[in-house]
Amino acid sequence: MPSHCTTTARIHTARAGFGHWTTPDHPRFPVHHRAERIPGLDGDWDSSFAAAGTSQTLGFEIVDVEEPGRAAGSIERAIDHWVGEIDYPMYIVTASARGERSGCLVGFATQCSIDPVRFLICLSDKNKTFRVAQDAEVLAVHLVPAAADDLVALFGSETGDDIDKFERCAWHEGPAGSAILDDCPNWFAGRVLHRIPVGDHGAFLLDPIDAGAGEDPSQFDFHRAKRFAPGHEA
């Protein structure tokens, strides 16, 4: 088995007594495995046999399969192509902790539960906001209005490592010392429940504890934001 593969698996397809799965540790490497039923042994398809290392007792045998046409580069290009076509709203996330304050433009954000309300935001590990957020009790999440080009330029193209962004915009203090931007009427402050490393970003699961809702429902979209040079490499 190649060194980059593990036997911890998730089911990709399963039918007629055999299946394929991809290794989650290296999803860009197109080495797949096939599990085939061994004659004379009974067993149900279950991904847990891979983690347990007991495939034969369950009636399956693991073999590596190199699938043609699945070069790592082609997978990455395909994902980059269609992900780059998706449009979604941009947010500004602010964090305050230990006497420091920071904020950045964020695209990776979504509501992830209805009841209870939960929101997930992802911060690049390259920027100051990520570092400040490690100690923040609360993060403030602002939906960026469509006409807020100046805020997008400030929080997207400048870096808090070089300037104090909050000297260049209007804001007021919110829960637990969070910074609420006056020009973003749609916002919420969320208590950090979990911090989860997810690659070159960190995910923060938030429990909203305060919020504001304005009359302007417009939003600044990702495809417009791409016109602005980032303050940090993503």
Protein backbone atom coordinates (compact mmCIF):
# COMPACT_ATOMS: atom_id res chain seq x y z
CA MET A 1 0.00 0.00 0.00
CA PRO A 2 1.50 3.43 -0.88
CA SER A 3 2.94 5.34 2.04
CA HIS A 4 0.42 8.14 1.77
CA CYS A 5 -2.57 5.82 2.13
CA THR A 6 -4.23 4.64 5.31
CA THR A 7 -6.91 2.06 5.94
CA THR A 8 -9.18 4.50 7.77
CA ALA A 9 -11.86 5.02 5.17
CA ARG A 10 -15.10 6.58 4.17
CA ILE A 11 -17.42 4.84 1.72
CA HIS A 12 -17.35 6.32 -1.76
CA THR A 13 -19.52 3.77 -3.53
CA ALA A 14 -20.79 0.35 -2.51
CA ARG A 15 -22.71 -2.12 -4.62
CA ALA A 16 -22.87 -5.82 -5.49
CA GLY A 17 -20.61 -6.85 -2.63
CA PHE A 18 -17.72 -4.53 -3.39
CA GLY A 19 -16.95 -0.86 -3.06
CA HIS A 20 -14.41 1.92 -3.30
CA TRP A 21 -13.34 4.55 -0.84
CA THR A 22 -10.77 7.35 -0.76
CA THR A 23 -8.26 7.94 2.00
CA PRO A 24 -9.10 11.14 3.90
CA ASP A 25 -5.51 11.84 4.88
CA HIS A 26 -4.57 12.63 1.27
CA PRO A 27 -7.74 13.32 -0.76
CA ARG A 28 -5.69 14.77 -3.61
CA PHE A 29 -3.87 11.50 -4.21
CA PRO A 30 -6.06 9.37 -6.49
CA VAL A 31 -5.10 5.99 -5.04
CA HIS A 32 -8.28 4.08 -4.30
CA HIS A 33 -8.81 0.75 -2.62
CA ARG A 34 -11.22 -2.00 -3.56
CA ALA A 35 -12.83 -4.37 -1.11
CA GLU A 36 -14.02 -7.62 -2.65
CA ARG A 37 -16.05 -10.36 -1.04
CA ILE A 38 -14.03 -13.49 -0.31
CA PRO A 39 -15.84 -16.66 -1.39
CA GLY A 40 -17.12 -18.73 1.53
CA LEU A 41 -17.09 -15.89 4.05
CA ASP A 42 -20.13 -13.92 5.12
CA GLY A 43 -20.17 -10.26 5.98
CA ASP A 44 -21.91 -6.96 5.47
CA TRP A 45 -20.36 -3.90 3.88
CA ASP A 46 -19.10 -1.72 6.70
CA SER A 47 -16.35 0.88 6.59
CA SER A 48 -15.39 0.02 10.16
CA PHE A 49 -13.61 -3.14 9.02
CA ALA A 50 -10.90 -0.99 7.48
CA ALA A 51 -10.11 0.84 10.70
CA ALA A 52 -10.20 -2.41 12.64
CA GLY A 53 -7.91 -4.18 10.17
CA THR A 54 -10.18 -7.25 10.16
CA SER A 55 -11.37 -7.32 6.58
CA GLN A 56 -10.98 -11.07 6.08
CA THR A 57 -13.10 -11.98 9.10
CA LEU A 58 -15.87 -9.86 7.62
CA GLY A 59 -15.54 -11.42 4.22
CA PHE A 60 -13.60 -8.75 2.36
CA GLU A 61 -10.11 -8.40 1.01
CA ILE A 62 -8.36 -5.06 0.49
CA VAL A 63 -6.35 -4.40 -2.65
CA ASP A 64 -4.92 -1.17 -4.05
CA VAL A 65 -6.25 0.08 -7.35
CA GLU A 66 -4.71 2.85 -9.44
CA GLU A 67 -7.63 4.39 -11.27
CA PRO A 68 -6.77 5.88 -14.68
CA GLY A 69 -7.60 9.49 -15.45
CA ARG A 70 -7.53 10.59 -11.81
CA ALA A 71 -4.22 12.45 -11.65
CA ALA A 72 -3.93 14.70 -8.59
CA GLY A 73 -3.45 17.77 -10.76
CA SER A 74 -6.63 17.15 -12.72
CA ILE A 75 -8.69 16.74 -9.52
CA GLU A 76 -7.35 20.00 -8.11
CA ARG A 77 -7.98 21.87 -11.38
CA ALA A 78 -11.55 20.56 -11.58
CA ILE A 79 -12.34 21.59 -8.00
CA ASP A 80 -10.68 25.00 -8.45
CA HIS A 81 -12.76 25.56 -11.59
CA TRP A 82 -16.20 24.97 -10.18
CA VAL A 83 -15.48 26.37 -6.72
CA GLY A 84 -14.21 29.54 -8.40
CA GLU A 85 -17.58 29.93 -10.13
CA ILE A 86 -19.61 29.83 -6.91
CA ASP A 87 -20.80 33.18 -5.59
CA TYR A 88 -21.53 33.81 -1.93
CA PRO A 89 -21.69 36.74 0.51
CA MET A 90 -18.62 38.18 2.16
CA TYR A 91 -18.34 38.82 5.88
CA ILE A 92 -16.04 40.85 8.10
CA VAL A 93 -15.09 39.05 11.30
CA THR A 94 -13.62 40.98 14.21
CA ALA A 95 -11.84 39.55 17.24
CA SER A 96 -10.69 41.15 20.50
CA ALA A 97 -8.50 39.57 23.18
CA ARG A 98 -5.66 40.44 25.53
CA GLY A 99 -5.74 44.13 24.59
CA GLU A 100 -5.53 43.42 20.87
CA ARG A 101 -8.20 43.93 18.23
CA SER A 102 -8.23 42.63 14.68
CA GLY A 103 -10.58 41.98 11.78
CA CYS A 104 -10.56 40.49 8.31
CA LEU A 105 -12.69 39.78 5.25
CA VAL A 106 -14.08 36.25 5.25
CA GLY A 107 -15.75 34.14 2.57
CA PHE A 108 -15.76 30.73 4.25
CA ALA A 109 -18.76 31.12 6.57
CA THR A 110 -22.16 29.48 6.94
CA GLN A 111 -25.01 28.79 9.32
CA CYS A 112 -24.60 25.14 10.29
CA SER A 113 -27.53 24.52 12.66
CA ILE A 114 -31.08 25.84 12.95
CA ASP A 115 -31.99 24.76 16.49
CA PRO A 116 -29.89 25.65 18.31
CA VAL A 117 -28.62 28.40 16.03
CA ARG A 118 -24.97 27.81 15.21
CA PHE A 119 -22.64 29.52 12.75
CA LEU A 120 -19.28 28.35 11.41
CA ILE A 121 -16.62 30.76 10.21
CA CYS A 122 -13.13 29.90 8.91
CA LEU A 123 -10.12 32.19 9.30
CA SER A 124 -6.87 31.88 7.38
CA ASP A 125 -4.01 30.90 9.66
CA LYS A 126 -1.84 33.48 7.88
CA ASN A 127 -3.51 36.57 9.33
CA LYS A 128 -3.58 38.43 12.60
CA THR A 129 -7.32 37.93 13.16
CA PHE A 130 -6.75 34.18 13.35
CA ARG A 131 -4.12 34.68 16.04
CA VAL A 132 -6.23 37.09 18.11
CA ALA A 133 -9.25 34.80 17.75
CA GLN A 134 -7.40 32.01 19.54
CA ASP A 135 -7.96 33.86 22.82
CA ALA A 136 -11.21 35.66 22.02
CA GLU A 137 -14.33 34.72 23.97
CA VAL A 138 -16.59 36.23 21.30
CA LEU A 139 -16.23 36.91 17.57
CA ALA A 140 -18.35 39.49 15.75
CA VAL A 141 -19.56 38.53 12.26
CA HIS A 142 -20.79 41.25 9.88
CA LEU A 143 -22.59 40.80 6.58
CA VAL A 144 -20.86 43.27 4.26
CA PRO A 145 -23.31 45.60 2.46
CA ALA A 146 -23.12 45.81 -1.34
CA ALA A 147 -21.93 49.43 -1.29
CA ALA A 148 -19.19 48.92 1.32
CA ASP A 149 -16.20 48.95 -1.05
CA ASP A 150 -14.13 50.94 1.45
CA LEU A 151 -14.66 48.35 4.19
CA VAL A 152 -13.78 45.51 1.81
CA ALA A 153 -10.57 47.30 0.84
CA LEU A 154 -9.71 48.01 4.48
CA PHE A 155 -10.42 44.57 5.93
CA GLY A 156 -9.52 42.57 2.82
CA SER A 157 -6.52 44.34 1.30
CA GLU A 158 -4.82 45.72 4.42
CA THR A 159 -3.22 43.66 7.16
CA GLY A 160 -3.49 44.23 10.87
CA ASP A 161 0.19 43.40 11.13
CA ASP A 162 0.93 46.81 9.58
CA ILE A 163 -1.96 49.14 10.48
CA ASP A 164 -4.74 49.59 13.04
CA LYS A 165 -7.82 49.08 10.88
CA PHE A 166 -10.13 50.34 13.60
CA GLU A 167 -8.60 53.81 13.42
CA ARG A 168 -9.96 54.00 9.86
CA CYS A 169 -13.59 52.97 10.39
CA ALA A 170 -16.51 53.65 12.72
CA TRP A 171 -17.25 51.01 15.34
CA HIS A 172 -18.52 50.51 18.85
CA GLU A 173 -17.88 47.96 21.54
CA GLY A 174 -20.13 44.91 21.73
CA PRO A 175 -20.34 41.82 23.95
CA ALA A 176 -17.11 40.75 25.67
CA GLY A 177 -15.23 43.67 24.13
CA SER A 178 -16.01 42.67 20.53
CA ALA A 179 -15.85 45.36 17.84
CA ILE A 180 -19.14 46.03 16.01
CA LEU A 181 -18.77 47.93 12.72
CA ASP A 182 -21.25 50.81 12.44
CA ASP A 183 -21.50 50.55 8.65
CA CYS A 184 -22.59 46.89 8.75
CA PRO A 185 -26.17 46.91 10.09
CA ASN A 186 -26.54 43.11 9.80
CA TRP A 187 -24.26 41.44 12.32
CA PHE A 188 -24.09 39.07 15.25
CA ALA A 189 -21.70 38.41 18.10
CA GLY A 190 -21.07 34.75 18.74
CA ARG A 191 -19.50 32.98 21.69
CA VAL A 192 -16.75 30.61 20.54
CA LEU A 193 -17.79 27.03 21.33
CA HIS A 194 -15.10 25.13 19.43
CA ARG A 195 -11.93 25.81 17.49
CA ILE A 196 -11.18 23.23 14.81
CA PRO A 197 -8.08 23.05 12.56
CA VAL A 198 -9.26 22.38 9.00
CA GLY A 199 -6.11 22.77 6.91
CA ASP A 200 -4.75 26.24 6.15
CA HIS A 201 -7.79 27.74 7.93
CA GLY A 202 -9.17 27.40 11.42
CA ALA A 203 -12.90 26.84 11.90
CA PHE A 204 -14.72 28.57 14.76
CA LEU A 205 -18.12 27.30 15.84
CA LEU A 206 -20.16 30.21 17.18
CA ASP A 207 -23.22 30.48 19.42
CA PRO A 208 -24.88 33.87 18.67
CA ILE A 209 -25.51 35.89 21.85
CA ASP A 210 -26.35 39.30 20.35
CA ALA A 211 -27.29 40.58 16.90
CA GLY A 212 -28.43 43.51 14.80
CA ALA A 213 -30.69 43.47 11.74
CA GLY A 214 -30.78 46.47 9.40
CA GLU A 215 -33.12 47.43 6.60
CA ASP A 216 -30.49 46.99 3.89
CA PRO A 217 -30.53 43.33 2.77
CA SER A 218 -27.81 43.80 0.13
CA GLN A 219 -24.56 41.90 0.30
CA PHE A 220 -21.06 42.20 -1.12
CA ASP A 221 -20.41 39.05 -3.14
CA PHE A 222 -17.27 36.97 -3.58
CA HIS A 223 -16.87 37.70 -7.30
CA ARG A 224 -16.71 41.43 -6.58
CA ALA A 225 -14.30 40.86 -3.70
CA LYS A 226 -11.89 39.03 -6.04
CA ARG A 227 -11.03 42.41 -7.56
CA PHE A 228 -9.27 43.41 -4.34
CA ALA A 229 -5.71 42.25 -3.69
CA PRO A 230 -5.56 40.34 -0.38
CA GLY A 231 -3.57 41.73 2.50
CA HIS A 232 -2.26 38.23 3.20
CA GLU A 233 -1.92 35.17 1.02
CA ALA A 234 -4.90 32.91 1.76
